[in-house]
PDB file of N, CA and C in Angstrom:
ATOM      1  N   MET A   1     -43.905  82.764 -59.745  1.00  0.00           N
ATOM      2  CA  MET A   1     -42.634  83.457 -59.783  1.00  0.00           C
ATOM      3  C   MET A   1     -41.675  82.812 -60.780  1.00  0.00           C
ATOM      4  N   VAL A   2     -41.676  81.501 -60.843  1.00  0.00           N
ATOM      5  CA  VAL A   2     -40.739  80.824 -61.739  1.00  0.00           C
ATOM      6  C   VAL A   2     -41.050  81.157 -63.189  1.00  0.00           C
ATOM      7  N   VAL A   3     -42.321  81.223 -63.537  1.00  0.00           N
ATOM      8  CA  VAL A   3     -42.703  81.475 -64.926  1.00  0.00           C
ATOM      9  C   VAL A   3     -42.271  82.862 -65.373  1.00  0.00           C
ATOM     10  N   CYS A   4     -42.212  83.822 -64.466  1.00  0.00           N
ATOM     11  CA  CYS A   4     -41.772  85.176 -64.822  1.00  0.00           C
ATOM     12  C   CYS A   4     -40.352  85.184 -65.368  1.00  0.00           C
ATOM     13  N   VAL A   5     -39.510  84.332 -64.854  1.00  0.00           N
ATOM     14  CA  VAL A   5     -38.115  84.257 -65.288  1.00  0.00           C
ATOM     15  C   VAL A   5     -37.950  83.255 -66.420  1.00  0.00           C
ATOM     16  N   GLN A   6     -38.787  82.251 -66.430  1.00  0.00           N
ATOM     17  CA  GLN A   6     -38.638  81.135 -67.361  1.00  0.00           C
ATOM     18  C   GLN A   6     -38.880  81.539 -68.820  1.00  0.00           C
ATOM     19  N   GLN A   7     -39.879  82.314 -69.097  1.00  0.00           N
ATOM     20  CA  GLN A   7     -40.207  82.632 -70.489  1.00  0.00           C
ATOM     21  C   GLN A   7     -39.133  83.466 -71.186  1.00  0.00           C
ATOM     22  N   PRO A   8     -38.596  84.517 -70.575  1.00  0.00           N
ATOM     23  CA  PRO A   8     -37.488  85.222 -71.230  1.00  0.00           C
ATOM     24  C   PRO A   8     -36.252  84.343 -71.398  1.00  0.00           C
ATOM     25  N   MET A   9     -36.040  83.422 -70.470  1.00  0.00           N
ATOM     26  CA  MET A   9     -34.903  82.511 -70.583  1.00  0.00           C
ATOM     27  C   MET A   9     -35.065  81.617 -71.813  1.00  0.00           C
ATOM     28  N   PHE A  10     -36.262  81.079 -72.041  1.00  0.00           N
ATOM     29  CA  PHE A  10     -36.504  80.249 -73.223  1.00  0.00           C
ATOM     30  C   PHE A  10     -36.333  81.057 -74.505  1.00  0.00           C
ATOM     31  N   THR A  11     -36.705  82.328 -74.467  1.00  0.00           N
ATOM     32  CA  THR A  11     -36.538  83.179 -75.641  1.00  0.00           C
ATOM     33  C   THR A  11     -35.072  83.301 -76.020  1.00  0.00           C
ATOM     34  N   GLU A  12     -34.202  83.385 -75.037  1.00  0.00           N
ATOM     35  CA  GLU A  12     -32.772  83.508 -75.312  1.00  0.00           C
ATOM     36  C   GLU A  12     -32.119  82.169 -75.637  1.00  0.00           C
ATOM     37  N   LEU A  13     -32.694  81.066 -75.194  1.00  0.00           N
ATOM     38  CA  LEU A  13     -32.084  79.758 -75.430  1.00  0.00           C
ATOM     39  C   LEU A  13     -32.268  79.252 -76.852  1.00  0.00           C
ATOM     40  N   PHE A  14     -33.409  79.545 -77.460  1.00  0.00           N
ATOM     41  CA  PHE A  14     -33.743  78.973 -78.755  1.00  0.00           C
ATOM     42  C   PHE A  14     -33.892  80.061 -79.808  1.00  0.00           C
ATOM     43  N   GLY A  15     -33.499  79.737 -81.026  1.00  0.00           N
ATOM     44  CA  GLY A  15     -33.676  80.648 -82.146  1.00  0.00           C
ATOM     45  C   GLY A  15     -35.145  80.787 -82.505  1.00  0.00           C
ATOM     46  N   ALA A  16     -35.470  81.816 -83.268  1.00  0.00           N
ATOM     47  CA  ALA A  16     -36.867  82.108 -83.587  1.00  0.00           C
ATOM     48  C   ALA A  16     -37.535  80.999 -84.387  1.00  0.00           C
ATOM     49  N   SER A  17     -36.785  80.301 -85.235  1.00  0.00           N
ATOM     50  CA  SER A  17     -37.400  79.296 -86.101  1.00  0.00           C
ATOM     51  C   SER A  17     -37.851  78.049 -85.348  1.00  0.00           C
ATOM     52  N   TYR A  18     -37.260  77.757 -84.203  1.00  0.00           N
ATOM     53  CA  TYR A  18     -37.666  76.563 -83.452  1.00  0.00           C
ATOM     54  C   TYR A  18     -37.859  76.854 -81.960  1.00  0.00           C
ATOM     55  N   ARG A  19     -38.130  78.083 -81.638  1.00  0.00           N
ATOM     56  CA  ARG A  19     -38.293  78.485 -80.239  1.00  0.00           C
ATOM     57  C   ARG A  19     -39.502  77.829 -79.581  1.00  0.00           C
ATOM     58  N   TYR A  20     -40.635  77.817 -80.267  1.00  0.00           N
ATOM     59  CA  TYR A  20     -41.858  77.257 -79.678  1.00  0.00           C
ATOM     60  C   TYR A  20     -41.706  75.766 -79.407  1.00  0.00           C
ATOM     61  N   SER A  21     -41.181  75.036 -80.376  1.00  0.00           N
ATOM     62  CA  SER A  21     -40.994  73.588 -80.197  1.00  0.00           C
ATOM     63  C   SER A  21     -39.956  73.292 -79.129  1.00  0.00           C
ATOM     64  N   GLY A  22     -38.837  73.990 -79.164  1.00  0.00           N
ATOM     65  CA  GLY A  22     -37.780  73.750 -78.184  1.00  0.00           C
ATOM     66  C   GLY A  22     -38.232  74.022 -76.766  1.00  0.00           C
ATOM     67  N   ALA A  23     -38.908  75.130 -76.574  1.00  0.00           N
ATOM     68  CA  ALA A  23     -39.382  75.473 -75.236  1.00  0.00           C
ATOM     69  C   ALA A  23     -40.489  74.525 -74.790  1.00  0.00           C
ATOM     70  N   GLY A  24     -41.393  74.196 -75.694  1.00  0.00           N
ATOM     71  CA  GLY A  24     -42.516  73.320 -75.339  1.00  0.00           C
ATOM     72  C   GLY A  24     -42.079  71.914 -74.986  1.00  0.00           C
ATOM     73  N   VAL A  25     -41.233  71.330 -75.819  1.00  0.00           N
ATOM     74  CA  VAL A  25     -40.769  69.966 -75.564  1.00  0.00           C
ATOM     75  C   VAL A  25     -39.937  69.925 -74.285  1.00  0.00           C
ATOM     76  N   GLY A  26     -39.034  70.880 -74.125  1.00  0.00           N
ATOM     77  CA  GLY A  26     -38.211  70.916 -72.919  1.00  0.00           C
ATOM     78  C   GLY A  26     -39.040  71.054 -71.654  1.00  0.00           C
ATOM     79  N   TYR A  27     -40.031  71.917 -71.690  1.00  0.00           N
ATOM     80  CA  TYR A  27     -40.875  72.147 -70.519  1.00  0.00           C
ATOM     81  C   TYR A  27     -41.696  70.907 -70.181  1.00  0.00           C
ATOM     82  N   GLN A  28     -42.287  70.280 -71.200  1.00  0.00           N
ATOM     83  CA  GLN A  28     -43.148  69.124 -70.948  1.00  0.00           C
ATOM     84  C   GLN A  28     -42.364  67.898 -70.503  1.00  0.00           C
ATOM     85  N   VAL A  29     -41.196  67.667 -71.084  1.00  0.00           N
ATOM     86  CA  VAL A  29     -40.370  66.531 -70.654  1.00  0.00           C
ATOM     87  C   VAL A  29     -39.910  66.737 -69.209  1.00  0.00           C
ATOM     88  N   ALA A  30     -39.512  67.946 -68.882  1.00  0.00           N
ATOM     89  CA  ALA A  30     -39.107  68.235 -67.501  1.00  0.00           C
ATOM     90  C   ALA A  30     -40.277  68.067 -66.536  1.00  0.00           C
ATOM     91  N   SER A  31     -41.480  68.418 -66.958  1.00  0.00           N
ATOM     92  CA  SER A  31     -42.655  68.239 -66.100  1.00  0.00           C
ATOM     93  C   SER A  31     -42.938  66.769 -65.836  1.00  0.00           C
ATOM     94  N   VAL A  32     -42.819  65.950 -66.878  1.00  0.00           N
ATOM     95  CA  VAL A  32     -43.061  64.514 -66.711  1.00  0.00           C
ATOM     96  C   VAL A  32     -42.009  63.891 -65.806  1.00  0.00           C
ATOM     97  N   VAL A  33     -40.743  64.172 -66.081  1.00  0.00           N
ATOM     98  CA  VAL A  33     -39.659  63.563 -65.303  1.00  0.00           C
ATOM     99  C   VAL A  33     -39.631  64.118 -63.880  1.00  0.00           C
ATOM    100  N   GLY A  34     -39.691  65.435 -63.751  1.00  0.00           N
ATOM    101  CA  GLY A  34     -39.598  66.048 -62.432  1.00  0.00           C
ATOM    102  C   GLY A  34     -40.856  65.915 -61.598  1.00  0.00           C
ATOM    103  N   GLY A  35     -42.002  66.075 -62.213  1.00  0.00           N
ATOM    104  CA  GLY A  35     -43.250  66.030 -61.462  1.00  0.00           C
ATOM    105  C   GLY A  35     -43.914  64.678 -61.420  1.00  0.00           C
ATOM    106  N   GLY A  36     -43.696  63.869 -62.443  1.00  0.00           N
ATOM    107  CA  GLY A  36     -44.365  62.572 -62.511  1.00  0.00           C
ATOM    108  C   GLY A  36     -43.772  61.522 -61.604  1.00  0.00           C
ATOM    109  N   PHE A  37     -42.459  61.475 -61.539  1.00  0.00           N
ATOM    110  CA  PHE A  37     -41.802  60.428 -60.762  1.00  0.00           C
ATOM    111  C   PHE A  37     -41.480  60.842 -59.328  1.00  0.00           C
ATOM    112  N   THR A  38     -41.510  62.124 -59.045  1.00  0.00           N
ATOM    113  CA  THR A  38     -41.106  62.605 -57.723  1.00  0.00           C
ATOM    114  C   THR A  38     -41.942  62.026 -56.579  1.00  0.00           C
ATOM    115  N   PRO A  39     -43.268  61.924 -56.673  1.00  0.00           N
ATOM    116  CA  PRO A  39     -44.014  61.322 -55.557  1.00  0.00           C
ATOM    117  C   PRO A  39     -43.618  59.869 -55.286  1.00  0.00           C
ATOM    118  N   PHE A  40     -43.361  59.109 -56.342  1.00  0.00           N
ATOM    119  CA  PHE A  40     -42.955  57.714 -56.158  1.00  0.00           C
ATOM    120  C   PHE A  40     -41.562  57.623 -55.538  1.00  0.00           C
ATOM    121  N   ILE A  41     -40.666  58.475 -56.007  1.00  0.00           N
ATOM    122  CA  ILE A  41     -39.308  58.491 -55.451  1.00  0.00           C
ATOM    123  C   ILE A  41     -39.342  58.930 -53.990  1.00  0.00           C
ATOM    124  N   ALA A  42     -40.136  59.944 -53.681  1.00  0.00           N
ATOM    125  CA  ALA A  42     -40.232  60.419 -52.297  1.00  0.00           C
ATOM    126  C   ALA A  42     -40.811  59.341 -51.386  1.00  0.00           C
ATOM    127  N   ALA A  43     -41.839  58.639 -51.854  1.00  0.00           N
ATOM    128  CA  ALA A  43     -42.415  57.563 -51.043  1.00  0.00           C
ATOM    129  C   ALA A  43     -41.405  56.448 -50.815  1.00  0.00           C
ATOM    130  N   ALA A  44     -40.641  56.105 -51.846  1.00  0.00           N
ATOM    131  CA  ALA A  44     -39.620  55.064 -51.698  1.00  0.00           C
ATOM    132  C   ALA A  44     -38.522  55.503 -50.737  1.00  0.00           C
ATOM    133  N   LEU A  45     -38.115  56.759 -50.824  1.00  0.00           N
ATOM    134  CA  LEU A  45     -37.079  57.257 -49.912  1.00  0.00           C
ATOM    135  C   LEU A  45     -37.538  57.235 -48.459  1.00  0.00           C
ATOM    136  N   VAL A  46     -38.781  57.627 -48.222  1.00  0.00           N
ATOM    137  CA  VAL A  46     -39.314  57.601 -46.855  1.00  0.00           C
ATOM    138  C   VAL A  46     -39.405  56.160 -46.354  1.00  0.00           C
ATOM    139  N   THR A  47     -39.816  55.247 -47.231  1.00  0.00           N
ATOM    140  CA  THR A  47     -39.913  53.838 -46.836  1.00  0.00           C
ATOM    141  C   THR A  47     -38.548  53.266 -46.499  1.00  0.00           C
ATOM    142  N   PHE A  48     -37.570  53.506 -47.367  1.00  0.00           N
ATOM    143  CA  PHE A  48     -36.236  52.942 -47.156  1.00  0.00           C
ATOM    144  C   PHE A  48     -35.493  53.593 -45.989  1.00  0.00           C
ATOM    145  N   SER A  49     -35.857  54.825 -45.654  1.00  0.00           N
ATOM    146  CA  SER A  49     -35.164  55.500 -44.550  1.00  0.00           C
ATOM    147  C   SER A  49     -35.872  55.315 -43.212  1.00  0.00           C
ATOM    148  N   GLY A  50     -36.864  54.457 -43.181  1.00  0.00           N
ATOM    149  CA  GLY A  50     -37.554  54.173 -41.918  1.00  0.00           C
ATOM    150  C   GLY A  50     -38.524  55.250 -41.487  1.00  0.00           C
ATOM    151  N   GLY A  51     -39.102  55.966 -42.417  1.00  0.00           N
ATOM    152  CA  GLY A  51     -40.090  56.987 -42.091  1.00  0.00           C
ATOM    153  C   GLY A  51     -39.530  58.381 -41.907  1.00  0.00           C
ATOM    154  N   SER A  52     -38.245  58.553 -42.116  1.00  0.00           N
ATOM    155  CA  SER A  52     -37.630  59.868 -41.952  1.00  0.00           C
ATOM    156  C   SER A  52     -37.815  60.705 -43.220  1.00  0.00           C
ATOM    157  N   TRP A  53     -38.123  61.969 -43.043  1.00  0.00           N
ATOM    158  CA  TRP A  53     -38.316  62.861 -44.183  1.00  0.00           C
ATOM    159  C   TRP A  53     -37.007  63.479 -44.655  1.00  0.00           C
ATOM    160  N   HIS A  54     -35.930  63.257 -43.929  1.00  0.00           N
ATOM    161  CA  HIS A  54     -34.650  63.872 -44.274  1.00  0.00           C
ATOM    162  C   HIS A  54     -34.141  63.437 -45.651  1.00  0.00           C
ATOM    163  N   SER A  55     -34.396  62.195 -46.024  1.00  0.00           N
ATOM    164  CA  SER A  55     -33.941  61.720 -47.334  1.00  0.00           C
ATOM    165  C   SER A  55     -34.673  62.443 -48.463  1.00  0.00           C
ATOM    166  N   VAL A  56     -35.944  62.751 -48.249  1.00  0.00           N
ATOM    167  CA  VAL A  56     -36.704  63.497 -49.259  1.00  0.00           C
ATOM    168  C   VAL A  56     -36.170  64.923 -49.359  1.00  0.00           C
ATOM    169  N   ALA A  57     -35.827  65.511 -48.228  1.00  0.00           N
ATOM    170  CA  ALA A  57     -35.250  66.859 -48.237  1.00  0.00           C
ATOM    171  C   ALA A  57     -33.923  66.873 -48.986  1.00  0.00           C
ATOM    172  N   LEU A  58     -33.115  65.847 -48.802  1.00  0.00           N
ATOM    173  CA  LEU A  58     -31.848  65.761 -49.541  1.00  0.00           C
ATOM    174  C   LEU A  58     -32.087  65.586 -51.034  1.00  0.00           C
ATOM    175  N   TYR A  59     -33.092  64.795 -51.392  1.00  0.00           N
ATOM    176  CA  TYR A  59     -33.442  64.598 -52.806  1.00  0.00           C
ATOM    177  C   TYR A  59     -33.865  65.923 -53.447  1.00  0.00           C
ATOM    178  N   LEU A  60     -34.703  66.674 -52.759  1.00  0.00           N
ATOM    179  CA  LEU A  60     -35.145  67.965 -53.284  1.00  0.00           C
ATOM    180  C   LEU A  60     -33.998  68.969 -53.343  1.00  0.00           C
ATOM    181  N   THR A  61     -33.119  68.935 -52.360  1.00  0.00           N
ATOM    182  CA  THR A  61     -31.947  69.807 -52.371  1.00  0.00           C
ATOM    183  C   THR A  61     -31.049  69.486 -53.556  1.00  0.00           C
ATOM    184  N   ALA A  62     -30.875  68.202 -53.842  1.00  0.00           N
ATOM    185  CA  ALA A  62     -30.073  67.800 -55.004  1.00  0.00           C
ATOM    186  C   ALA A  62     -30.704  68.309 -56.297  1.00  0.00           C
ATOM    187  N   GLY A  63     -32.025  68.251 -56.396  1.00  0.00           N
ATOM    188  CA  GLY A  63     -32.707  68.783 -57.573  1.00  0.00           C
ATOM    189  C   GLY A  63     -32.526  70.283 -57.714  1.00  0.00           C
ATOM    190  N   CYS A  64     -32.578  70.994 -56.599  1.00  0.00           N
ATOM    191  CA  CYS A  64     -32.360  72.446 -56.623  1.00  0.00           C
ATOM    192  C   CYS A  64     -30.938  72.787 -57.045  1.00  0.00           C
ATOM    193  N   LEU A  65     -29.971  72.044 -56.525  1.00  0.00           N
ATOM    194  CA  LEU A  65     -28.573  72.282 -56.905  1.00  0.00           C
ATOM    195  C   LEU A  65     -28.341  71.988 -58.382  1.00  0.00           C
ATOM    196  N   LEU A  66     -28.938  70.917 -58.876  1.00  0.00           N
ATOM    197  CA  LEU A  66     -28.818  70.592 -60.299  1.00  0.00           C
ATOM    198  C   LEU A  66     -29.426  71.694 -61.165  1.00  0.00           C
ATOM    199  N   SER A  67     -30.568  72.215 -60.761  1.00  0.00           N
ATOM    200  CA  SER A  67     -31.202  73.312 -61.497  1.00  0.00           C
ATOM    201  C   SER A  67     -30.343  74.569 -61.477  1.00  0.00           C
ATOM    202  N   ALA A  68     -29.771  74.883 -60.329  1.00  0.00           N
ATOM    203  CA  ALA A  68     -28.917  76.068 -60.216  1.00  0.00           C
ATOM    204  C   ALA A  68     -27.663  75.928 -61.070  1.00  0.00           C
ATOM    205  N   LEU A  69     -27.047  74.752 -61.050  1.00  0.00           N
ATOM    206  CA  LEU A  69     -25.860  74.534 -61.884  1.00  0.00           C
ATOM    207  C   LEU A  69     -26.191  74.641 -63.365  1.00  0.00           C
ATOM    208  N   THR A  70     -27.323  74.096 -63.757  1.00  0.00           N
ATOM    209  CA  THR A  70     -27.742  74.187 -65.155  1.00  0.00           C
ATOM    210  C   THR A  70     -27.971  75.638 -65.556  1.00  0.00           C
ATOM    211  N   ALA A  71     -28.621  76.404 -64.704  1.00  0.00           N
ATOM    212  CA  ALA A  71     -28.865  77.816 -65.004  1.00  0.00           C
ATOM    213  C   ALA A  71     -27.563  78.602 -65.101  1.00  0.00           C
ATOM    214  N   LEU A  72     -26.608  78.279 -64.252  1.00  0.00           N
ATOM    215  CA  LEU A  72     -25.318  78.977 -64.297  1.00  0.00           C
ATOM    216  C   LEU A  72     -24.507  78.622 -65.541  1.00  0.00           C
ATOM    217  N   MET A  73     -24.697  77.435 -66.077  1.00  0.00           N
ATOM    218  CA  MET A  73     -23.927  76.991 -67.241  1.00  0.00           C
ATOM    219  C   MET A  73     -24.539  77.427 -68.571  1.00  0.00           C
ATOM    220  N   MET A  74     -25.760  77.969 -68.554  1.00  0.00           N
ATOM    221  CA  MET A  74     -26.390  78.401 -69.800  1.00  0.00           C
ATOM    222  C   MET A  74     -25.648  79.597 -70.374  1.00  0.00           C
ATOM    223  N   LYS A  75     -25.537  79.614 -71.693  1.00  0.00           N
ATOM    224  CA  LYS A  75     -24.874  80.721 -72.373  1.00  0.00           C
ATOM    225  C   LYS A  75     -25.917  81.659 -72.956  1.00  0.00           C
ATOM    226  N   LYS A  76     -25.602  82.916 -72.925  1.00  0.00           N
ATOM    227  CA  LYS A  76     -26.514  83.914 -73.474  1.00  0.00           C
ATOM    228  C   LYS A  76     -26.353  83.956 -74.990  1.00  0.00           C
ATOM    229  N   HIS A  77     -27.474  83.867 -75.684  1.00  0.00           N
ATOM    230  CA  HIS A  77     -27.492  83.931 -77.142  1.00  0.00           C
ATOM    231  C   HIS A  77     -28.216  85.201 -77.569  1.00  0.00           C
ATOM    232  N   PRO A  78     -27.809  85.789 -78.669  1.00  0.00           N
ATOM    233  CA  PRO A  78     -28.544  86.965 -79.152  1.00  0.00           C
ATOM    234  C   PRO A  78     -29.954  86.576 -79.583  1.00  0.00           C
ATOM    235  N   VAL A  79     -30.913  87.421 -79.298  1.00  0.00           N
ATOM    236  CA  VAL A  79     -32.304  87.164 -79.656  1.00  0.00           C
ATOM    237  C   VAL A  79     -32.496  87.484 -81.127  1.00  0.00           C
ATOM    238  N   ASP A  80     -33.200  86.578 -81.835  1.00  0.00           N
ATOM    239  CA  ASP A  80     -33.459  86.781 -83.274  1.00  0.00           C
ATOM    240  C   ASP A  80     -34.502  87.847 -83.472  1.00  0.00           C
TER     241      ASP A  80
END
């Protein structure tokens, strides 16, 4: 479901001359940062909170809020 919305969004974010690079680099860096470190952060949060999963839920909620704020702040650009 996310990919259905994501590709048209990338088309509007970047100009035609650097659209592929901009979308590719942005997607891959976000995958490394968001997906690569999240298991370690979640394990540390569970350890520090005494085995409670609530801290992980708050961490994921913060990530969702950050994503929503970023999406709301994006400006629409004309497509080349």
